[in-house]
């Protein structure tokens, strides 16, 4: 059951926060809305759920226009950042409460709760109350409550934000496994691009209420449309430095006049461009114009934090950080690895 958005707009009085969004999410697809705080991703999700009124445009679910329908009539189930469990009810009662309120037979409720419990591995906790559960277990109960409703579309609004780092990883795996097992359409909101990269079939990158780019995780990583997407997708983030066009290539003054080959259409000689370089594509060698401020040793890889003579900071990945020392000087090269080039004013990618 897919989701379609056509020229969707949201205004609060005179303030417009969603600007004519068009989007297609296929049946069974896992789509992730990602972007910085305030970009409109949660507002857009709540509009799909019917919790926010759509100012103009059309929202379709399973080929039906649901733009003006009540939330209960849209066939969606939402999992929030807060678990919102009833503290006086057991896990079993929490999961089946919505069906009970809608008058479903006890046998049907029991069967659906049992199936959701099997999928989420909650069988040992069905008779416990929320206070006896960990944060990850409570979130699984909240997801189970959504599963028993049998929705056309699952909506997740930053469901892992309240969990510690280890539980976040565990729950990412659980949600991915859940999607593979039940095959439902899922829309997931997060500001964490690592969650987006690891969970999504399709990532929707938002900025200031507009879609910047839509695509598979590695497609956005390998082929960003603009500097914003290039900087947002990837961890650590892409480095951006000013360059100058010279004879079909680009000179980067901050890197000791490093010359970067370009296989794209560049502006005229002497014009500025922005050069993007991913940390894993850089090779660090001792001695040069850069100052080594910090080295993060993570075992199999190290991240080297550098400062240019002009005070700009950048990060490079080193397979072996033992040969370089904090406080020393260094230089970087790209070798055969690609650089990205962006228009200095519009920030659009040069291709």
C-alpha atoms as a PDB file:
ATOM      1  CA  UNK A   1       0.000   0.000   0.000  1.00  0.00           C
ATOM      2  CA  UNK A   2       1.923   3.007  -1.266  1.00  0.00           C
ATOM      3  CA  UNK A   3       1.845   6.675  -0.301  1.00  0.00           C
ATOM      4  CA  UNK A   4       1.571   9.594  -2.726  1.00  0.00           C
ATOM      5  CA  UNK A   5       2.077  13.291  -1.997  1.00  0.00           C
ATOM      6  CA  UNK A   6       1.180  15.891  -4.626  1.00  0.00           C
ATOM      7  CA  UNK A   7       2.068  19.574  -4.175  1.00  0.00           C
ATOM      8  CA  UNK A   8       1.567  19.272  -0.406  1.00  0.00           C
ATOM      9  CA  UNK A   9       1.692  22.569   1.485  1.00  0.00           C
ATOM     10  CA  UNK A  10       1.471  23.330   5.199  1.00  0.00           C
ATOM     11  CA  UNK A  11       1.007  26.812   6.622  1.00  0.00           C
ATOM     12  CA  UNK A  12       0.617  28.079  10.178  1.00  0.00           C
ATOM     13  CA  UNK A  13      -1.093  31.382   9.586  1.00  0.00           C
ATOM     14  CA  UNK A  14       1.174  33.312   7.216  1.00  0.00           C
ATOM     15  CA  UNK A  15       4.161  31.077   7.913  1.00  0.00           C
ATOM     16  CA  UNK A  16       4.682  28.297   5.351  1.00  0.00           C
ATOM     17  CA  UNK A  17       6.669  25.309   6.638  1.00  0.00           C
ATOM     18  CA  UNK A  18       6.093  22.709   3.877  1.00  0.00           C
ATOM     19  CA  UNK A  19       6.568  23.975   0.323  1.00  0.00           C
ATOM     20  CA  UNK A  20       4.834  22.011  -2.426  1.00  0.00           C
ATOM     21  CA  UNK A  21       6.195  18.526  -1.688  1.00  0.00           C
ATOM     22  CA  UNK A  22       5.800  15.821  -4.364  1.00  0.00           C
ATOM     23  CA  UNK A  23       6.734  12.272  -3.416  1.00  0.00           C
ATOM     24  CA  UNK A  24       5.922   8.655  -4.304  1.00  0.00           C
ATOM     25  CA  UNK A  25       6.573   5.815  -1.844  1.00  0.00           C
ATOM     26  CA  UNK A  26       5.945   2.381  -3.316  1.00  0.00           C
ATOM     27  CA  UNK A  27       4.075  -0.427  -1.597  1.00  0.00           C
ATOM     28  CA  UNK A  28       6.381  -2.309   0.770  1.00  0.00           C
ATOM     29  CA  UNK A  29       9.086   0.348   0.615  1.00  0.00           C
ATOM     30  CA  UNK A  30      11.005   1.604   3.661  1.00  0.00           C
ATOM     31  CA  UNK A  31      11.318   5.373   3.222  1.00  0.00           C
ATOM     32  CA  UNK A  32      13.262   7.566   5.633  1.00  0.00           C
ATOM     33  CA  UNK A  33      12.738  11.319   5.992  1.00  0.00           C
ATOM     34  CA  UNK A  34      16.023  12.858   7.091  1.00  0.00           C
ATOM     35  CA  UNK A  35      17.264  16.382   7.617  1.00  0.00           C
ATOM     36  CA  UNK A  36      18.348  18.879  10.278  1.00  0.00           C
ATOM     37  CA  UNK A  37      16.088  19.986  13.111  1.00  0.00           C
ATOM     38  CA  UNK A  38      13.278  22.218  11.874  1.00  0.00           C
ATOM     39  CA  UNK A  39      13.369  20.974   8.269  1.00  0.00           C
ATOM     40  CA  UNK A  40       9.722  19.797   8.389  1.00  0.00           C
ATOM     41  CA  UNK A  41      10.191  16.028   8.443  1.00  0.00           C
ATOM     42  CA  UNK A  42       7.999  15.366  11.501  1.00  0.00           C
ATOM     43  CA  UNK A  43       5.374  17.843  10.267  1.00  0.00           C
ATOM     44  CA  UNK A  44       5.217  16.004   6.950  1.00  0.00           C
ATOM     45  CA  UNK A  45       4.846  12.662   8.742  1.00  0.00           C
ATOM     46  CA  UNK A  46       2.054  14.019  10.928  1.00  0.00           C
ATOM     47  CA  UNK A  47       0.285  15.313   7.815  1.00  0.00           C
ATOM     48  CA  UNK A  48       0.371  11.797   6.346  1.00  0.00           C
ATOM     49  CA  UNK A  49      -1.016  10.484   9.642  1.00  0.00           C
ATOM     50  CA  UNK A  50      -3.766  13.116   9.691  1.00  0.00           C
ATOM     51  CA  UNK A  51      -2.526  14.660  12.921  1.00  0.00           C
ATOM     52  CA  UNK A  52      -1.759  17.916  11.078  1.00  0.00           C
ATOM     53  CA  UNK A  53      -4.193  19.451   8.628  1.00  0.00           C
ATOM     54  CA  UNK A  54      -2.955  19.768   5.053  1.00  0.00           C
ATOM     55  CA  UNK A  55      -3.262  23.369   3.859  1.00  0.00           C
ATOM     56  CA  UNK A  56      -3.308  22.403   0.173  1.00  0.00           C
ATOM     57  CA  UNK A  57      -2.300  19.525  -2.057  1.00  0.00           C
ATOM     58  CA  UNK A  58      -3.199  15.821  -1.983  1.00  0.00           C
ATOM     59  CA  UNK A  59      -2.154  12.880   0.196  1.00  0.00           C
ATOM     60  CA  UNK A  60      -2.973   9.416  -1.134  1.00  0.00           C
ATOM     61  CA  UNK A  61      -2.664   6.071   0.636  1.00  0.00           C
ATOM     62  CA  UNK A  62      -3.299   2.838  -1.272  1.00  0.00           C
ATOM     63  CA  UNK A  63      -4.651   4.777  -4.264  1.00  0.00           C
ATOM     64  CA  UNK A  64      -7.226   6.591  -2.114  1.00  0.00           C
ATOM     65  CA  UNK A  65      -7.270  10.331  -1.447  1.00  0.00           C
ATOM     66  CA  UNK A  66      -7.094  10.634   2.354  1.00  0.00           C
ATOM     67  CA  UNK A  67      -6.224  14.337   2.529  1.00  0.00           C
ATOM     68  CA  UNK A  68      -9.347  15.274   4.500  1.00  0.00           C
ATOM     69  CA  UNK A  69      -9.940  11.977   6.299  1.00  0.00           C
ATOM     70  CA  UNK A  70      -9.634  11.509  10.050  1.00  0.00           C
ATOM     71  CA  UNK A  71      -6.504   9.687  11.280  1.00  0.00           C
ATOM     72  CA  UNK A  72      -8.497   6.563  12.197  1.00  0.00           C
ATOM     73  CA  UNK A  73      -9.781   6.279   8.607  1.00  0.00           C
ATOM     74  CA  UNK A  74      -6.374   6.397   6.896  1.00  0.00           C
ATOM     75  CA  UNK A  75      -5.145   2.889   7.643  1.00  0.00           C
ATOM     76  CA  UNK A  76      -1.926   4.069   9.311  1.00  0.00           C
ATOM     77  CA  UNK A  77      -0.317   3.286  12.658  1.00  0.00           C
ATOM     78  CA  UNK A  78       2.195   5.613  14.265  1.00  0.00           C
ATOM     79  CA  UNK A  79       5.069   4.866  16.649  1.00  0.00           C
ATOM     80  CA  UNK A  80       6.219   7.923  18.571  1.00  0.00           C
ATOM     81  CA  UNK A  81       9.470   8.946  20.225  1.00  0.00           C
ATOM     82  CA  UNK A  82       7.739   8.528  23.599  1.00  0.00           C
ATOM     83  CA  UNK A  83       6.384   5.041  24.187  1.00  0.00           C
ATOM     84  CA  UNK A  84       2.979   6.253  25.457  1.00  0.00           C
ATOM     85  CA  UNK A  85       2.197   2.942  27.183  1.00  0.00           C
ATOM     86  CA  UNK A  86      -0.509   2.610  29.840  1.00  0.00           C
ATOM     87  CA  UNK A  87       1.450   2.015  33.079  1.00  0.00           C
ATOM     88  CA  UNK A  88      -1.329   0.047  34.793  1.00  0.00           C
ATOM     89  CA  UNK A  89      -1.722  -2.434  31.922  1.00  0.00           C
ATOM     90  CA  UNK A  90       0.398  -5.446  31.066  1.00  0.00           C
ATOM     91  CA  UNK A  91       2.260  -5.723  27.785  1.00  0.00           C
ATOM     92  CA  UNK A  92      -0.512  -7.973  26.495  1.00  0.00           C
ATOM     93  CA  UNK A  93      -3.193  -5.464  27.445  1.00  0.00           C
ATOM     94  CA  UNK A  94      -1.278  -2.517  26.020  1.00  0.00           C
ATOM     95  CA  UNK A  95      -0.820  -4.223  22.676  1.00  0.00           C
ATOM     96  CA  UNK A  96      -4.456  -5.257  22.368  1.00  0.00           C
ATOM     97  CA  UNK A  97      -6.100  -2.155  23.837  1.00  0.00           C
ATOM     98  CA  UNK A  98      -6.854  -0.424  20.526  1.00  0.00           C
ATOM     99  CA  UNK A  99      -8.577  -3.505  19.120  1.00  0.00           C
ATOM    100  CA  UNK A 100     -10.522  -3.939  22.379  1.00  0.00           C
ATOM    101  CA  UNK A 101     -11.799  -0.354  22.185  1.00  0.00           C
ATOM    102  CA  UNK A 102     -12.948  -0.975  18.612  1.00  0.00           C
ATOM    103  CA  UNK A 103     -14.959  -4.007  19.688  1.00  0.00           C
ATOM    104  CA  UNK A 104     -12.909  -6.792  18.150  1.00  0.00           C
ATOM    105  CA  UNK A 105     -13.573 -10.313  19.487  1.00  0.00           C
ATOM    106  CA  UNK A 106     -11.307 -11.542  22.290  1.00  0.00           C
ATOM    107  CA  UNK A 107     -10.061 -14.488  20.249  1.00  0.00           C
ATOM    108  CA  UNK A 108      -9.032 -12.224  17.371  1.00  0.00           C
ATOM    109  CA  UNK A 109      -7.230  -9.847  19.747  1.00  0.00           C
ATOM    110  CA  UNK A 110      -5.393 -12.724  21.417  1.00  0.00           C
ATOM    111  CA  UNK A 111      -4.300 -14.133  18.054  1.00  0.00           C
ATOM    112  CA  UNK A 112      -3.015 -10.793  16.771  1.00  0.00           C
ATOM    113  CA  UNK A 113      -1.188 -10.004  20.011  1.00  0.00           C
ATOM    114  CA  UNK A 114       0.413 -13.462  19.947  1.00  0.00           C
ATOM    115  CA  UNK A 115       1.612 -12.954  16.370  1.00  0.00           C
ATOM    116  CA  UNK A 116       3.035  -9.491  17.119  1.00  0.00           C
ATOM    117  CA  UNK A 117       4.710 -10.863  20.240  1.00  0.00           C
ATOM    118  CA  UNK A 118       6.324 -13.647  18.190  1.00  0.00           C
ATOM    119  CA  UNK A 119       7.655 -11.198  15.611  1.00  0.00           C
ATOM    120  CA  UNK A 120       9.073  -8.856  18.275  1.00  0.00           C
ATOM    121  CA  UNK A 121      10.262 -11.600  20.668  1.00  0.00           C
ATOM    122  CA  UNK A 122       8.064 -10.363  23.521  1.00  0.00           C
ATOM    123  CA  UNK A 123       6.588 -13.709  24.635  1.00  0.00           C
ATOM    124  CA  UNK A 124       8.473 -13.665  27.951  1.00  0.00           C
ATOM    125  CA  UNK A 125       7.211 -10.188  28.826  1.00  0.00           C
ATOM    126  CA  UNK A 126       3.493 -10.330  28.001  1.00  0.00           C
ATOM    127  CA  UNK A 127       2.379 -10.317  31.647  1.00  0.00           C
ATOM    128  CA  UNK A 128       4.779  -7.605  32.778  1.00  0.00           C
ATOM    129  CA  UNK A 129       3.889  -3.954  33.175  1.00  0.00           C
ATOM    130  CA  UNK A 130       5.903  -1.195  31.443  1.00  0.00           C
ATOM    131  CA  UNK A 131       7.853  -0.236  34.591  1.00  0.00           C
ATOM    132  CA  UNK A 132       9.429  -3.723  34.566  1.00  0.00           C
ATOM    133  CA  UNK A 133      10.757  -3.308  31.009  1.00  0.00           C
ATOM    134  CA  UNK A 134      13.879  -1.716  29.570  1.00  0.00           C
ATOM    135  CA  UNK A 135      13.648   1.186  27.143  1.00  0.00           C
ATOM    136  CA  UNK A 136      14.189  -1.095  24.161  1.00  0.00           C
ATOM    137  CA  UNK A 137      11.509  -3.511  25.362  1.00  0.00           C
ATOM    138  CA  UNK A 138       9.019  -0.673  25.848  1.00  0.00           C
ATOM    139  CA  UNK A 139       9.679   0.558  22.331  1.00  0.00           C
ATOM    140  CA  UNK A 140       9.089  -2.969  20.997  1.00  0.00           C
ATOM    141  CA  UNK A 141       5.744  -2.996  22.824  1.00  0.00           C
ATOM    142  CA  UNK A 142       4.843   0.327  21.192  1.00  0.00           C
ATOM    143  CA  UNK A 143       5.722  -1.175  17.806  1.00  0.00           C
ATOM    144  CA  UNK A 144       3.694  -4.285  18.657  1.00  0.00           C
ATOM    145  CA  UNK A 145       0.675  -2.114  19.424  1.00  0.00           C
ATOM    146  CA  UNK A 146       0.991  -0.751  15.879  1.00  0.00           C
ATOM    147  CA  UNK A 147       1.414  -4.219  14.335  1.00  0.00           C
ATOM    148  CA  UNK A 148      -1.786  -5.658  15.830  1.00  0.00           C
ATOM    149  CA  UNK A 149      -3.822  -2.989  14.051  1.00  0.00           C
ATOM    150  CA  UNK A 150      -2.703  -4.367  10.675  1.00  0.00           C
ATOM    151  CA  UNK A 151      -2.187  -0.914   9.121  1.00  0.00           C
ATOM    152  CA  UNK A 152      -1.560  -0.166   5.457  1.00  0.00           C
ATOM    153  CA  UNK A 153       1.377   2.086   6.430  1.00  0.00           C
ATOM    154  CA  UNK A 154       3.610   2.248   9.508  1.00  0.00           C
ATOM    155  CA  UNK A 155       4.830   5.709  10.554  1.00  0.00           C
ATOM    156  CA  UNK A 156       7.821   6.097  12.895  1.00  0.00           C
ATOM    157  CA  UNK A 157       8.623   9.500  14.401  1.00  0.00           C
ATOM    158  CA  UNK A 158      12.212   9.338  15.737  1.00  0.00           C
ATOM    159  CA  UNK A 159      11.412   6.160  17.714  1.00  0.00           C
ATOM    160  CA  UNK A 160      14.980   5.544  18.912  1.00  0.00           C
ATOM    161  CA  UNK A 161      15.831   9.015  20.221  1.00  0.00           C
ATOM    162  CA  UNK A 162      15.306   8.063  23.872  1.00  0.00           C
ATOM    163  CA  UNK A 163      17.540   4.971  23.751  1.00  0.00           C
ATOM    164  CA  UNK A 164      21.242   4.708  24.536  1.00  0.00           C
ATOM    165  CA  UNK A 165      23.747   3.994  21.761  1.00  0.00           C
ATOM    166  CA  UNK A 166      23.824   0.206  22.172  1.00  0.00           C
ATOM    167  CA  UNK A 167      20.039  -0.086  22.253  1.00  0.00           C
ATOM    168  CA  UNK A 168      19.723   2.166  19.201  1.00  0.00           C
ATOM    169  CA  UNK A 169      21.838  -0.261  17.191  1.00  0.00           C
ATOM    170  CA  UNK A 170      19.843  -3.212  18.510  1.00  0.00           C
ATOM    171  CA  UNK A 171      16.515  -1.571  17.676  1.00  0.00           C
ATOM    172  CA  UNK A 172      17.700  -0.583  14.184  1.00  0.00           C
ATOM    173  CA  UNK A 173      18.299  -4.260  13.539  1.00  0.00           C
ATOM    174  CA  UNK A 174      14.884  -5.139  15.012  1.00  0.00           C
ATOM    175  CA  UNK A 175      13.037  -2.600  12.850  1.00  0.00           C
ATOM    176  CA  UNK A 176      14.886  -3.701   9.719  1.00  0.00           C
ATOM    177  CA  UNK A 177      14.058  -7.334  10.482  1.00  0.00           C
ATOM    178  CA  UNK A 178      10.421  -6.377  11.140  1.00  0.00           C
ATOM    179  CA  UNK A 179      10.188  -4.705   7.738  1.00  0.00           C
ATOM    180  CA  UNK A 180      11.675  -7.746   6.014  1.00  0.00           C
ATOM    181  CA  UNK A 181       9.285 -10.100   7.801  1.00  0.00           C
ATOM    182  CA  UNK A 182       5.976  -8.290   7.358  1.00  0.00           C
ATOM    183  CA  UNK A 183       6.799  -6.401   4.144  1.00  0.00           C
ATOM    184  CA  UNK A 184       4.663  -3.381   5.027  1.00  0.00           C
ATOM    185  CA  UNK A 185       5.153   0.162   3.760  1.00  0.00           C
ATOM    186  CA  UNK A 186       7.088   2.117   6.376  1.00  0.00           C
ATOM    187  CA  UNK A 187       7.944   5.806   6.697  1.00  0.00           C
ATOM    188  CA  UNK A 188      10.559   6.676   9.283  1.00  0.00           C
ATOM    189  CA  UNK A 189      11.659  10.114  10.498  1.00  0.00           C
ATOM    190  CA  UNK A 190      15.115  10.738  11.927  1.00  0.00           C
ATOM    191  CA  UNK A 191      17.781  13.443  12.097  1.00  0.00           C
ATOM    192  CA  UNK A 192      20.435  10.708  12.296  1.00  0.00           C
ATOM    193  CA  UNK A 193      21.811  10.030   8.820  1.00  0.00           C
ATOM    194  CA  UNK A 194      23.407   6.758  10.055  1.00  0.00           C
ATOM    195  CA  UNK A 195      19.903   5.450  10.844  1.00  0.00           C
ATOM    196  CA  UNK A 196      18.774   6.631   7.426  1.00  0.00           C
ATOM    197  CA  UNK A 197      21.648   4.915   5.611  1.00  0.00           C
ATOM    198  CA  UNK A 198      21.229   1.610   7.449  1.00  0.00           C
ATOM    199  CA  UNK A 199      17.424   1.322   7.353  1.00  0.00           C
ATOM    200  CA  UNK A 200      16.155   2.918   4.156  1.00  0.00           C
ATOM    201  CA  UNK A 201      15.251   1.600   0.751  1.00  0.00           C
ATOM    202  CA  UNK A 202      14.674   5.256  -0.121  1.00  0.00           C
ATOM    203  CA  UNK A 203      15.973   8.368   1.630  1.00  0.00           C
ATOM    204  CA  UNK A 204      14.137  11.687   1.363  1.00  0.00           C
ATOM    205  CA  UNK A 205      16.483  14.554   2.270  1.00  0.00           C
ATOM    206  CA  UNK A 206      14.594  17.617   3.494  1.00  0.00           C
ATOM    207  CA  UNK A 207      15.714  21.181   4.118  1.00  0.00           C
ATOM    208  CA  UNK A 208      13.475  24.092   5.141  1.00  0.00           C
ATOM    209  CA  UNK A 209      10.292  22.261   4.120  1.00  0.00           C
ATOM    210  CA  UNK A 210      11.520  21.264   0.661  1.00  0.00           C
ATOM    211  CA  UNK A 211      12.844  17.999  -0.735  1.00  0.00           C
ATOM    212  CA  UNK A 212      16.497  18.358  -1.726  1.00  0.00           C
ATOM    213  CA  UNK A 213      16.941  14.850  -3.159  1.00  0.00           C
ATOM    214  CA  UNK A 214      15.340  11.410  -3.108  1.00  0.00           C
ATOM    215  CA  UNK A 215      17.170   8.155  -3.737  1.00  0.00           C
ATOM    216  CA  UNK A 216      18.663   4.929  -2.424  1.00  0.00           C
ATOM    217  CA  UNK A 217      21.225   5.454   0.368  1.00  0.00           C
ATOM    218  CA  UNK A 218      24.328   4.671  -1.697  1.00  0.00           C
ATOM    219  CA  UNK A 219      22.980   6.624  -4.684  1.00  0.00           C
ATOM    220  CA  UNK A 220      22.796   9.754  -2.528  1.00  0.00           C
ATOM    221  CA  UNK A 221      26.233   9.026  -1.117  1.00  0.00           C
ATOM    222  CA  UNK A 222      27.847   8.493  -4.520  1.00  0.00           C
ATOM    223  CA  UNK A 223      25.887  11.041  -6.523  1.00  0.00           C
ATOM    224  CA  UNK A 224      24.592  13.993  -4.435  1.00  0.00           C
ATOM    225  CA  UNK A 225      22.783  16.755  -6.318  1.00  0.00           C
ATOM    226  CA  UNK A 226      24.107  19.610  -4.219  1.00  0.00           C
ATOM    227  CA  UNK A 227      26.448  20.592  -1.427  1.00  0.00           C
ATOM    228  CA  UNK A 228      23.779  20.241   1.270  1.00  0.00           C
ATOM    229  CA  UNK A 229      23.057  16.588   0.444  1.00  0.00           C
ATOM    230  CA  UNK A 230      26.764  15.824   0.007  1.00  0.00           C
ATOM    231  CA  UNK A 231      27.498  17.228   3.456  1.00  0.00           C
ATOM    232  CA  UNK A 232      24.540  15.608   5.173  1.00  0.00           C
ATOM    233  CA  UNK A 233      24.937  12.049   3.863  1.00  0.00           C
ATOM    234  CA  UNK A 234      28.127  10.410   5.119  1.00  0.00           C
ATOM    235  CA  UNK A 235      29.842  10.159   8.506  1.00  0.00           C
ATOM    236  CA  UNK A 236      32.196  11.895   9.110  1.00  0.00           C
ATOM    237  CA  UNK A 237      30.832  14.567   6.820  1.00  0.00           C
ATOM    238  CA  UNK A 238      32.397  15.543   3.509  1.00  0.00           C
ATOM    239  CA  UNK A 239      35.085  18.238   3.642  1.00  0.00           C
ATOM    240  CA  UNK A 240      34.473  21.426   1.636  1.00  0.00           C
ATOM    241  CA  UNK A 241      37.266  23.795   0.618  1.00  0.00           C
ATOM    242  CA  UNK A 242      37.508  26.710  -1.779  1.00  0.00           C
ATOM    243  CA  UNK A 243      39.167  26.035  -5.113  1.00  0.00           C
ATOM    244  CA  UNK A 244      40.157  28.032  -8.176  1.00  0.00           C
ATOM    245  CA  UNK A 245      39.705  26.811 -11.753  1.00  0.00           C
ATOM    246  CA  UNK A 246      42.946  26.506 -13.736  1.00  0.00           C
ATOM    247  CA  UNK A 247      43.291  24.839 -17.156  1.00  0.00           C
ATOM    248  CA  UNK A 248      40.487  22.302 -16.695  1.00  0.00           C
ATOM    249  CA  UNK A 249      41.506  21.412 -13.167  1.00  0.00           C
ATOM    250  CA  UNK A 250      41.126  22.970  -9.726  1.00  0.00           C
ATOM    251  CA  UNK A 251      43.790  24.382  -7.417  1.00  0.00           C
ATOM    252  CA  UNK A 252      43.064  24.281  -3.668  1.00  0.00           C
ATOM    253  CA  UNK A 253      45.126  27.014  -1.950  1.00  0.00           C
ATOM    254  CA  UNK A 254      44.325  25.829   1.602  1.00  0.00           C
ATOM    255  CA  UNK A 255      45.964  22.470   0.832  1.00  0.00           C
ATOM    256  CA  UNK A 256      49.267  23.890  -0.313  1.00  0.00           C
ATOM    257  CA  UNK A 257      47.990  24.600  -3.847  1.00  0.00           C
ATOM    258  CA  UNK A 258      46.975  20.955  -4.287  1.00  0.00           C
ATOM    259  CA  UNK A 259      45.839  20.345  -7.886  1.00  0.00           C
ATOM    260  CA  UNK A 260      42.634  18.298  -8.199  1.00  0.00           C
ATOM    261  CA  UNK A 261      41.759  16.843 -11.633  1.00  0.00           C
ATOM    262  CA  UNK A 262      38.184  17.471 -12.784  1.00  0.00           C
ATOM    263  CA  UNK A 263      36.146  15.401 -15.220  1.00  0.00           C
ATOM    264  CA  UNK A 264      33.209  17.812 -15.108  1.00  0.00           C
ATOM    265  CA  UNK A 265      32.183  21.050 -16.823  1.00  0.00           C
ATOM    266  CA  UNK A 266      33.974  23.790 -14.878  1.00  0.00           C
ATOM    267  CA  UNK A 267      33.501  27.565 -14.954  1.00  0.00           C
ATOM    268  CA  UNK A 268      36.046  29.758 -16.728  1.00  0.00           C
ATOM    269  CA  UNK A 269      39.655  29.852 -15.524  1.00  0.00           C
ATOM    270  CA  UNK A 270      40.095  31.944 -12.387  1.00  0.00           C
ATOM    271  CA  UNK A 271      36.527  31.357 -11.170  1.00  0.00           C
ATOM    272  CA  UNK A 272      35.910  29.926  -7.689  1.00  0.00           C
ATOM    273  CA  UNK A 273      34.377  26.507  -7.081  1.00  0.00           C
ATOM    274  CA  UNK A 274      33.817  24.466  -3.936  1.00  0.00           C
ATOM    275  CA  UNK A 275      35.731  21.191  -3.768  1.00  0.00           C
ATOM    276  CA  UNK A 276      34.222  18.333  -1.757  1.00  0.00           C
ATOM    277  CA  UNK A 277      36.401  15.487  -0.477  1.00  0.00           C
ATOM    278  CA  UNK A 278      35.214  12.581   1.616  1.00  0.00           C
ATOM    279  CA  UNK A 279      37.415  11.692   4.622  1.00  0.00           C
ATOM    280  CA  UNK A 280      37.916   8.101   3.441  1.00  0.00           C
ATOM    281  CA  UNK A 281      39.232   9.309   0.072  1.00  0.00           C
ATOM    282  CA  UNK A 282      42.052  11.365   1.601  1.00  0.00           C
ATOM    283  CA  UNK A 283      45.539  10.086   2.298  1.00  0.00           C
ATOM    284  CA  UNK A 284      47.413  11.793   5.128  1.00  0.00           C
ATOM    285  CA  UNK A 285      51.191  12.061   5.102  1.00  0.00           C
ATOM    286  CA  UNK A 286      53.465  13.744   7.672  1.00  0.00           C
ATOM    287  CA  UNK A 287      54.780  17.215   6.836  1.00  0.00           C
ATOM    288  CA  UNK A 288      52.889  19.934   5.029  1.00  0.00           C
ATOM    289  CA  UNK A 289      50.663  22.985   5.463  1.00  0.00           C
ATOM    290  CA  UNK A 290      48.051  21.376   7.724  1.00  0.00           C
ATOM    291  CA  UNK A 291      48.095  21.129  11.523  1.00  0.00           C
ATOM    292  CA  UNK A 292      47.043  17.857  13.165  1.00  0.00           C
ATOM    293  CA  UNK A 293      44.674  18.894  15.974  1.00  0.00           C
ATOM    294  CA  UNK A 294      43.323  15.522  17.096  1.00  0.00           C
ATOM    295  CA  UNK A 295      43.506  11.849  16.186  1.00  0.00           C
ATOM    296  CA  UNK A 296      40.648   9.506  17.081  1.00  0.00           C
ATOM    297  CA  UNK A 297      41.993   5.964  17.240  1.00  0.00           C
ATOM    298  CA  UNK A 298      39.111   3.534  16.735  1.00  0.00           C
ATOM    299  CA  UNK A 299      41.142   0.363  16.275  1.00  0.00           C
ATOM    300  CA  UNK A 300      40.972  -0.622  12.629  1.00  0.00           C
ATOM    301  CA  UNK A 301      40.750   2.984  11.503  1.00  0.00           C
ATOM    302  CA  UNK A 302      41.671   6.444  12.784  1.00  0.00           C
ATOM    303  CA  UNK A 303      40.096   9.835  12.092  1.00  0.00           C
ATOM    304  CA  UNK A 304      42.582  12.687  11.767  1.00  0.00           C
ATOM    305  CA  UNK A 305      41.252  16.186  12.482  1.00  0.00           C
ATOM    306  CA  UNK A 306      43.210  18.814  10.583  1.00  0.00           C
ATOM    307  CA  UNK A 307      43.290  22.606  10.420  1.00  0.00           C
ATOM    308  CA  UNK A 308      44.319  24.534   7.322  1.00  0.00           C
ATOM    309  CA  UNK A 309      46.528  27.676   7.430  1.00  0.00           C
ATOM    310  CA  UNK A 310      43.345  29.720   6.981  1.00  0.00           C
ATOM    311  CA  UNK A 311      41.736  28.127  10.034  1.00  0.00           C
ATOM    312  CA  UNK A 312      39.321  25.768   8.264  1.00  0.00           C
ATOM    313  CA  UNK A 313      38.874  22.323   9.766  1.00  0.00           C
ATOM    314  CA  UNK A 314      38.691  19.029   7.920  1.00  0.00           C
ATOM    315  CA  UNK A 315      38.723  15.297   8.679  1.00  0.00           C
ATOM    316  CA  UNK A 316      40.660  12.509   6.996  1.00  0.00           C
ATOM    317  CA  UNK A 317      40.422   8.770   7.544  1.00  0.00           C
ATOM    318  CA  UNK A 318      43.686   6.914   8.156  1.00  0.00           C
ATOM    319  CA  UNK A 319      43.989   3.129   8.076  1.00  0.00           C
ATOM    320  CA  UNK A 320      46.963   3.385  10.427  1.00  0.00           C
ATOM    321  CA  UNK A 321      47.188   6.467  12.609  1.00  0.00           C
ATOM    322  CA  UNK A 322      50.397   5.367  14.326  1.00  0.00           C
ATOM    323  CA  UNK A 323      52.647   7.141  11.839  1.00  0.00           C
ATOM    324  CA  UNK A 324      51.254  10.618  12.539  1.00  0.00           C
ATOM    325  CA  UNK A 325      51.194  12.582  15.770  1.00  0.00           C
ATOM    326  CA  UNK A 326      48.894  15.208  17.246  1.00  0.00           C
ATOM    327  CA  UNK A 327      50.353  18.690  16.992  1.00  0.00           C
ATOM    328  CA  UNK A 328      52.451  17.786  13.989  1.00  0.00           C
ATOM    329  CA  UNK A 329      52.091  18.963  10.405  1.00  0.00           C
ATOM    330  CA  UNK A 330      50.589  17.013   7.530  1.00  0.00           C
ATOM    331  CA  UNK A 331      49.444  17.127   3.931  1.00  0.00           C
ATOM    332  CA  UNK A 332      46.635  15.302   2.159  1.00  0.00           C
ATOM    333  CA  UNK A 333      46.225  13.866  -1.315  1.00  0.00           C
ATOM    334  CA  UNK A 334      43.300  12.312  -3.141  1.00  0.00           C
ATOM    335  CA  UNK A 335      45.208   9.878  -5.345  1.00  0.00           C
ATOM    336  CA  UNK A 336      42.809   8.121  -7.699  1.00  0.00           C
ATOM    337  CA  UNK A 337      39.810   8.902  -5.502  1.00  0.00           C
ATOM    338  CA  UNK A 338      37.100  11.231  -6.776  1.00  0.00           C
ATOM    339  CA  UNK A 339      36.464  14.777  -5.657  1.00  0.00           C
ATOM    340  CA  UNK A 340      33.103  16.534  -5.959  1.00  0.00           C
ATOM    341  CA  UNK A 341      32.752  20.038  -7.374  1.00  0.00           C
ATOM    342  CA  UNK A 342      30.002  22.527  -6.529  1.00  0.00           C
ATOM    343  CA  UNK A 343      29.037  25.947  -7.822  1.00  0.00           C
ATOM    344  CA  UNK A 344      30.398  28.443  -5.316  1.00  0.00           C
ATOM    345  CA  UNK A 345      27.187  30.506  -5.266  1.00  0.00           C
ATOM    346  CA  UNK A 346      24.257  28.136  -5.932  1.00  0.00           C
ATOM    347  CA  UNK A 347      25.947  25.103  -4.247  1.00  0.00           C
ATOM    348  CA  UNK A 348      24.615  22.879  -7.043  1.00  0.00           C
ATOM    349  CA  UNK A 349      26.792  19.982  -8.114  1.00  0.00           C
ATOM    350  CA  UNK A 350      28.919  20.494 -11.224  1.00  0.00           C
ATOM    351  CA  UNK A 351      28.636  17.481 -13.531  1.00  0.00           C
END
